[in-house]
Protein backbone atom coordinates (compact mmCIF):
# COMPACT_ATOMS: atom_id res chain seq x y z
CA UNK A 1 74.80 93.33 72.37
CA UNK A 2 78.02 91.33 74.51
CA UNK A 3 80.77 93.83 72.56
CA UNK A 4 79.09 97.07 73.82
CA UNK A 5 78.52 95.56 77.58
CA UNK A 6 82.20 94.75 77.60
CA UNK A 7 83.57 97.94 75.81
CA UNK A 8 81.16 99.82 78.56
CA UNK A 9 82.20 98.37 81.73
CA UNK A 10 85.89 98.08 80.28
CA UNK A 11 86.40 101.35 79.36
CA UNK A 12 83.73 103.62 81.82
CA UNK A 13 85.12 101.84 85.13
CA UNK A 14 88.63 103.16 84.94
CA UNK A 15 88.79 104.83 81.63
CA UNK A 16 85.80 107.38 81.44
CA UNK A 17 87.02 110.45 79.71
CA UNK A 18 89.30 110.87 76.50
CA UNK A 19 91.21 113.98 76.33
CA UNK A 20 90.72 115.77 73.07
CA UNK A 21 93.39 118.79 74.20
CA UNK A 22 96.89 118.64 74.15
CA UNK A 23 98.50 118.07 77.66
CA UNK A 24 100.32 121.04 79.18
CA UNK A 25 102.54 120.72 82.47
CA UNK A 26 100.99 122.79 83.93
CA UNK A 27 99.18 123.57 87.64
CA UNK A 28 95.92 125.31 88.00
CA UNK A 29 94.39 124.93 91.19
CA UNK A 30 91.04 127.12 92.41
CA UNK A 31 91.23 130.39 94.23
CA UNK A 32 90.64 129.23 98.04
CA UNK A 33 93.29 126.56 97.55
CA UNK A 34 97.15 125.79 98.33
CA UNK A 35 98.89 125.98 95.04
CA UNK A 36 101.26 123.99 94.68
CA UNK A 37 107.97 106.30 80.11
CA UNK A 38 106.35 99.77 75.80
CA UNK A 39 105.02 96.74 76.12
CA UNK A 40 105.28 93.46 78.85
CA UNK A 41 106.08 90.19 78.71
CA UNK A 42 104.24 87.72 80.26
CA UNK A 43 105.69 87.59 83.43
CA UNK A 44 107.65 90.92 83.95
CA UNK A 45 108.36 94.30 82.92
CA UNK A 46 111.44 95.44 81.23
CA UNK A 47 114.00 97.02 83.74
CA UNK A 48 115.38 100.25 82.39
CA UNK A 49 119.48 100.59 83.30
CA UNK A 50 118.70 103.51 86.24
CA UNK A 51 116.84 102.33 88.14
CA UNK A 52 116.56 99.01 87.57
CA UNK A 53 112.86 97.65 87.46
CA UNK A 54 112.04 95.00 90.00
CA UNK A 55 108.82 93.13 88.72
CA UNK A 56 108.08 89.45 90.53
CA UNK A 57 105.22 88.01 92.12
CA UNK A 58 105.16 87.04 95.68
CA UNK A 59 102.76 85.75 98.19
CA UNK A 60 101.32 88.72 100.29
CA UNK A 61 98.64 87.27 103.27
CA UNK A 62 98.61 83.68 101.05
CA UNK A 63 97.57 85.12 98.02
CA UNK A 64 99.89 85.28 94.66
CA UNK A 65 101.04 89.37 93.98
CA UNK A 66 102.28 91.06 91.36
CA UNK A 67 104.94 93.29 92.86
CA UNK A 68 107.02 96.88 90.87
CA UNK A 69 109.79 97.93 92.77
CA UNK A 70 112.22 100.86 92.41
CA UNK A 71 114.94 100.82 94.69
CA UNK A 72 117.06 103.82 96.07
CA UNK A 73 120.92 103.28 97.22
CA UNK A 74 119.59 105.27 100.87
CA UNK A 75 116.14 105.85 100.90
CA UNK A 76 114.88 108.71 103.32
CA UNK A 77 111.27 107.82 102.58
CA UNK A 78 109.50 105.13 100.85
CA UNK A 79 106.67 105.69 98.66
CA UNK A 80 103.90 102.27 98.21
CA UNK A 81 101.56 103.11 95.47
CA UNK A 82 97.96 101.53 95.63
CA UNK A 83 96.14 101.28 91.94
CA UNK A 84 92.77 101.82 91.56
CA UNK A 85 90.51 99.19 90.03
CA UNK A 86 91.23 96.87 88.00
CA UNK A 87 94.70 96.55 90.00
CA UNK A 88 96.62 96.02 87.60
CA UNK A 89 100.26 97.16 88.49
CA UNK A 90 101.70 97.04 84.64
CA UNK A 91 99.43 99.99 83.66
CA UNK A 92 101.18 102.10 86.21
CA UNK A 93 104.56 101.47 84.90
CA UNK A 94 105.75 104.68 82.97
CA UNK A 95 104.00 106.60 85.75
CA UNK A 96 106.23 104.71 88.72
CA UNK A 97 109.57 105.07 86.78
CA UNK A 98 109.12 109.11 86.24
CA UNK A 99 107.81 109.38 89.95
CA UNK A 100 111.12 107.65 90.90
CA UNK A 101 113.08 109.87 88.43
CA UNK A 102 111.46 113.09 89.83
CA UNK A 103 112.17 112.43 93.11
CA UNK A 104 115.86 111.86 92.25
CA UNK A 105 116.61 108.59 94.37
CA UNK A 106 115.41 109.89 97.56
CA UNK A 107 113.13 107.37 97.78
CA UNK A 108 112.02 103.92 96.75
CA UNK A 109 109.05 103.16 95.17
CA UNK A 110 106.96 100.03 95.28
CA UNK A 111 103.59 99.40 93.52
CA UNK A 112 101.90 95.89 94.36
CA UNK A 113 98.17 94.31 92.33
CA UNK A 114 95.18 94.03 93.85
CA UNK A 115 94.45 90.01 94.74
CA UNK A 116 93.48 88.06 91.49
CA UNK A 117 94.44 91.43 89.09
CA UNK A 118 97.20 89.48 88.01
CA UNK A 119 98.35 87.70 84.57
CA UNK A 120 97.62 83.94 85.62
CA UNK A 121 94.41 82.54 87.85
CA UNK A 122 96.40 81.61 90.60
CA UNK A 123 93.13 81.93 93.06
CA UNK A 124 91.13 79.26 90.82
CA UNK A 125 88.23 81.78 90.05
CA UNK A 126 87.76 83.10 93.64
CA UNK A 127 86.29 86.64 94.02
CA UNK A 128 87.41 89.04 96.36
CA UNK A 129 85.91 92.34 97.90
CA UNK A 130 87.17 95.79 98.36
CA UNK A 131 87.94 94.60 101.99
CA UNK A 132 90.08 91.82 101.34
CA UNK A 133 92.12 94.09 98.89
CA UNK A 134 92.66 96.61 102.15
CA UNK A 135 93.42 93.81 104.21
CA UNK A 136 95.73 92.57 101.62
CA UNK A 137 97.37 96.20 101.61
CA UNK A 138 97.79 96.48 105.35
CA UNK A 139 99.68 92.89 105.48
CA UNK A 140 102.18 94.25 102.76
CA UNK A 141 102.85 97.16 104.76
CA UNK A 142 103.32 95.89 108.11
CA UNK A 143 104.77 92.08 107.07
CA UNK A 144 107.27 93.51 104.05
CA UNK A 145 108.08 97.27 104.22
CA UNK A 146 107.88 98.06 107.71
CA UNK A 147 109.74 95.00 108.53
CA UNK A 148 112.36 95.41 106.11
CA UNK A 149 112.80 99.49 107.35
CA UNK A 150 110.75 99.90 110.27
CA UNK A 151 112.84 103.48 110.70
CA UNK A 152 111.84 104.58 106.84
CA UNK A 153 108.70 107.04 106.63
CA UNK A 154 105.88 105.97 104.34
CA UNK A 155 103.83 107.78 101.89
CA UNK A 156 101.00 106.44 100.67
CA UNK A 157 99.79 107.33 96.87
CA UNK A 158 96.62 105.94 95.89
CA UNK A 159 94.59 106.13 92.32
CA UNK A 160 91.14 106.17 92.32
CA UNK A 161 89.43 103.62 94.66
CA UNK A 162 93.12 102.82 95.87
CA UNK A 163 93.02 106.81 97.28
CA UNK A 164 90.27 104.97 99.76
CA UNK A 165 92.54 102.33 100.34
CA UNK A 166 95.48 104.19 101.59
CA UNK A 167 92.94 106.52 104.26
CA UNK A 168 92.57 102.71 105.44
CA UNK A 169 95.89 101.84 105.44
CA UNK A 170 96.57 105.07 107.22
CA UNK A 171 94.01 104.02 110.02
CA UNK A 172 96.14 101.01 110.73
CA UNK A 173 99.71 102.59 111.01
CA UNK A 174 99.10 106.22 111.85
CA UNK A 175 102.77 107.41 113.42
CA UNK A 176 104.46 105.29 110.20
CA UNK A 177 103.03 106.92 107.68
CA UNK A 178 104.12 109.95 107.06
CA UNK A 179 101.46 111.16 104.31
CA UNK A 180 98.61 110.43 101.97
CA UNK A 181 98.04 111.80 98.68
CA UNK A 182 95.20 110.34 96.43
CA UNK A 183 95.22 110.87 92.48
CA UNK A 184 91.38 111.40 90.95
CA UNK A 185 90.27 109.93 94.66
CA UNK A 186 86.99 107.73 94.63
CA UNK A 187 85.67 108.29 98.00
CA UNK A 188 82.00 108.33 97.89
CA UNK A 189 79.43 107.40 95.19
CA UNK A 190 78.66 110.38 92.86
CA UNK A 191 74.64 110.71 93.13
CA UNK A 192 75.03 112.77 89.65
CA UNK A 193 76.57 110.40 87.54
CA UNK A 194 74.51 108.23 85.31
CA UNK A 195 77.39 106.58 84.39
CA UNK A 196 77.90 105.25 88.05
CA UNK A 197 74.55 104.59 87.82
CA UNK A 198 74.55 102.54 85.13
CA UNK A 199 77.29 100.57 85.87
CA UNK A 200 76.60 99.93 89.79
CA UNK A 201 73.38 98.20 88.17
CA UNK A 202 75.49 95.99 85.89
CA UNK A 203 78.32 94.91 88.68
CA UNK A 204 75.15 94.48 90.90
CA UNK A 205 73.60 91.62 88.33
CA UNK A 206 75.38 88.51 88.79
CA UNK A 207 74.80 86.79 85.79
CA UNK A 208 75.88 89.69 83.33
CA UNK A 209 78.81 89.66 85.45
CA UNK A 210 79.35 86.29 84.78
CA UNK A 211 78.59 87.02 81.03
CA UNK A 212 80.68 89.82 80.40
CA UNK A 213 83.53 88.16 82.05
CA UNK A 214 83.30 84.89 80.32
CA UNK A 215 82.91 87.06 76.91
CA UNK A 216 85.97 89.14 77.86
CA UNK A 217 87.83 85.16 78.58
CA UNK A 218 86.46 83.84 74.92
CA UNK A 219 88.04 86.93 73.37
CA UNK A 220 91.27 86.45 74.98
CA UNK A 221 91.47 82.73 73.77
CA UNK A 222 91.23 84.17 70.02
CA UNK A 223 94.75 84.46 67.99
CA UNK A 224 96.62 87.16 69.66
CA UNK A 225 96.45 89.45 66.15
CA UNK A 226 92.56 89.83 66.55
CA UNK A 227 92.41 90.12 70.01
CA UNK A 228 94.75 93.15 69.77
CA UNK A 229 92.79 94.50 66.86
CA UNK A 230 89.63 94.30 68.84
CA UNK A 231 91.66 96.19 71.93
CA UNK A 232 92.83 98.83 69.94
CA UNK A 233 89.62 99.95 68.15
CA UNK A 234 87.94 99.97 71.20
CA UNK A 235 90.35 101.81 73.23
CA UNK A 236 93.43 102.61 70.51
CA UNK A 237 92.73 106.07 69.70
CA UNK A 238 93.30 107.53 73.63
CA UNK A 239 95.84 105.24 74.88
CA UNK A 240 99.04 104.68 74.17
CA UNK A 241 100.72 101.49 73.38
CA UNK A 242 101.50 100.05 76.87
CA UNK A 243 97.99 100.57 77.91
CA UNK A 244 96.44 98.76 74.77
CA UNK A 245 99.22 95.81 75.86
CA UNK A 246 98.64 95.45 79.15
CA UNK A 247 94.82 95.39 78.34
CA UNK A 248 95.14 92.69 75.86
CA UNK A 249 97.21 90.51 78.79
CA UNK A 250 95.58 91.10 81.65
CA UNK A 251 91.91 92.19 80.24
CA UNK A 252 91.26 89.23 78.37
CA UNK A 253 91.02 86.65 81.02
CA UNK A 254 87.68 85.62 82.62
CA UNK A 255 88.93 85.81 86.40
CA UNK A 256 90.43 89.18 86.18
CA UNK A 257 87.54 90.91 84.46
CA UNK A 258 84.95 88.63 87.14
CA UNK A 259 87.33 90.15 89.70
CA UNK A 260 87.54 93.94 88.96
CA UNK A 261 83.17 93.74 88.30
CA UNK A 262 83.07 92.06 91.82
CA UNK A 263 85.47 94.56 93.59
CA UNK A 264 83.22 97.25 91.59
CA UNK A 265 80.09 95.65 93.28
CA UNK A 266 81.29 95.90 96.82
CA UNK A 267 83.18 99.20 96.32
CA UNK A 268 79.72 100.85 95.35
CA UNK A 269 78.47 99.51 98.78
CA UNK A 270 81.14 100.48 100.71
CA UNK A 271 80.89 104.15 99.58
CA UNK A 272 77.24 104.63 99.25
CA UNK A 273 78.05 107.15 102.23
CA UNK A 274 78.93 110.30 102.69
CA UNK A 275 82.92 110.62 103.08
CA UNK A 276 84.22 110.70 106.55
CA UNK A 277 84.95 114.14 106.78
CA UNK A 278 85.90 114.14 110.73
CA UNK A 279 88.47 111.44 109.89
CA UNK A 280 90.07 113.70 106.95
CA UNK A 281 89.75 116.90 109.53
CA UNK A 282 91.60 115.04 111.77
CA UNK A 283 94.48 113.86 109.27
CA UNK A 284 94.25 117.49 107.60
CA UNK A 285 98.35 117.69 107.77
CA UNK A 286 99.20 114.24 106.36
CA UNK A 287 96.65 114.16 103.52
CA UNK A 288 96.44 115.72 99.95
CA UNK A 289 94.16 115.03 96.70
CA UNK A 290 94.48 115.93 92.82
CA UNK A 291 91.08 116.01 91.66
CA UNK A 292 90.33 116.08 87.91
CA UNK A 293 88.14 118.72 85.89
CA UNK A 294 85.65 116.55 84.49
CA UNK A 295 86.09 113.33 86.54
CA UNK A 296 83.03 111.42 87.65
CA UNK A 297 85.02 109.43 89.98
CA UNK A 298 86.10 112.38 91.83
CA UNK A 299 84.18 115.18 90.92
CA UNK A 300 84.67 118.95 91.71
CA UNK A 301 81.49 119.25 94.06
CA UNK A 302 83.47 116.74 96.67
CA UNK A 303 86.34 118.67 96.02
CA UNK A 304 84.38 121.62 97.02
CA UNK A 305 82.50 119.91 100.16
CA UNK A 306 86.33 118.90 101.40
CA UNK A 307 87.57 122.53 101.18
CA UNK A 308 84.68 124.24 102.56
CA UNK A 309 84.71 121.80 105.79
CA UNK A 310 88.57 121.72 105.59
CA UNK A 311 89.92 124.47 104.47
CA UNK A 312 93.34 123.41 105.47
CA UNK A 313 93.50 120.21 103.57
CA UNK A 314 95.98 120.18 100.58
CA UNK A 315 93.90 120.03 97.64
CA UNK A 316 94.72 120.68 93.65
CA UNK A 317 92.58 120.42 90.42
CA UNK A 318 94.59 119.22 87.19
CA UNK A 319 93.21 121.30 84.16
CA UNK A 320 94.97 119.79 81.66
CA UNK A 321 92.49 117.29 80.36
CA UNK A 322 94.24 114.14 81.17
CA UNK A 323 91.85 110.78 81.55
CA UNK A 324 90.49 109.81 85.22
CA UNK A 325 93.20 106.93 83.85
CA UNK A 326 96.47 108.75 83.71
CA UNK A 327 97.92 105.79 83.50
CA UNK A 328 97.04 105.04 80.14
CA UNK A 329 99.44 107.90 78.07
CA UNK A 330 102.75 108.69 79.12
CA UNK A 331 101.93 112.28 78.82
CA UNK A 332 99.31 111.89 82.03
CA UNK A 333 101.67 109.56 83.51
CA UNK A 334 104.59 111.99 83.47
CA UNK A 335 102.27 115.23 84.66
CA UNK A 336 100.61 113.52 87.78
CA UNK A 337 104.00 111.80 88.86
CA UNK A 338 105.27 115.56 88.61
CA UNK A 339 102.55 116.42 90.87
CA UNK A 340 102.89 113.17 92.99
CA UNK A 341 107.15 113.76 93.54
CA UNK A 342 106.05 117.89 94.26
CA UNK A 343 103.71 116.68 96.87
CA UNK A 344 105.99 114.38 98.66
CA UNK A 345 109.35 116.29 98.37
CA UNK A 346 106.72 119.08 100.09
CA UNK A 347 105.98 117.13 103.17
CA UNK A 348 109.05 115.44 103.55
CA UNK A 349 110.34 114.91 106.90
CA UNK A 350 112.90 117.91 106.98
CA UNK A 351 114.52 116.05 109.82
CA UNK A 352 115.64 112.83 107.72
CA UNK A 353 116.88 114.82 104.60
């Protein structure tokens, strides 16, 4: 029973759908819409020759944060990536490297973890809400990115709930943020999704969350080989080795799982209202979204609603069969990185390049 509950919560929240088809690098959009690369050691990611990947732990707003940096020599703009939930940046290594490569040295790329979604329990068991995570990202933009390069335009790229967070960052820095790209965006609850309904009930039950997170921590204390076998049995058929390794390192920790579930609870509370279409319309020239064909976190009904009310907003549909958790396969990471790079380059500040 515990194994079933753990598997459900771990897989469904961020990784609900498996792909049965072979991905093809082809973008398909709706008729009315515009067309348009492991193993992770305990405290870092392996670097590559071009560019070197900087993986470090730093304090942002007083909280230990894992940061991935890929620096261009003379960036014309800066891409800041916000992860989904769980907000473990190691999941996105292949995506971030591919994105940097596709941008061909024109931009630096930075991604940061959510508070407490990290390799050690620096927060001593504290739990953090969605609003805490938003404030954390705002502080990073204000205290790091803008202080280092105040004149360089910022592109925000957010995955899942990260898209929602990116839109909140835009509210804080409307003149410095040039464009926001939401990948498989989670912007409002899907009332037609039984998955979300069940997960919402799980996340709203503190005793169950404690049981699941405690069980995850106990599995993490097993010999590494046994824990890895369990993760591979549950996930290895649809995930690449990188994602399996990252899951073994991070998601078999009580604190990470408890924060993942607690953040999810506050997501459900915050996203119970309808999406703010007025705000999206106000920023229609600064916002783009990529939806999945079978994604209950960002369903096509939401795409329809946005396109009907804001026909000029840049929208696309991925029909290649990648997961909502595209970062758990190299093919998905590469495809979505190409989409994000193409979108960024089509929206780049022409006066600077």
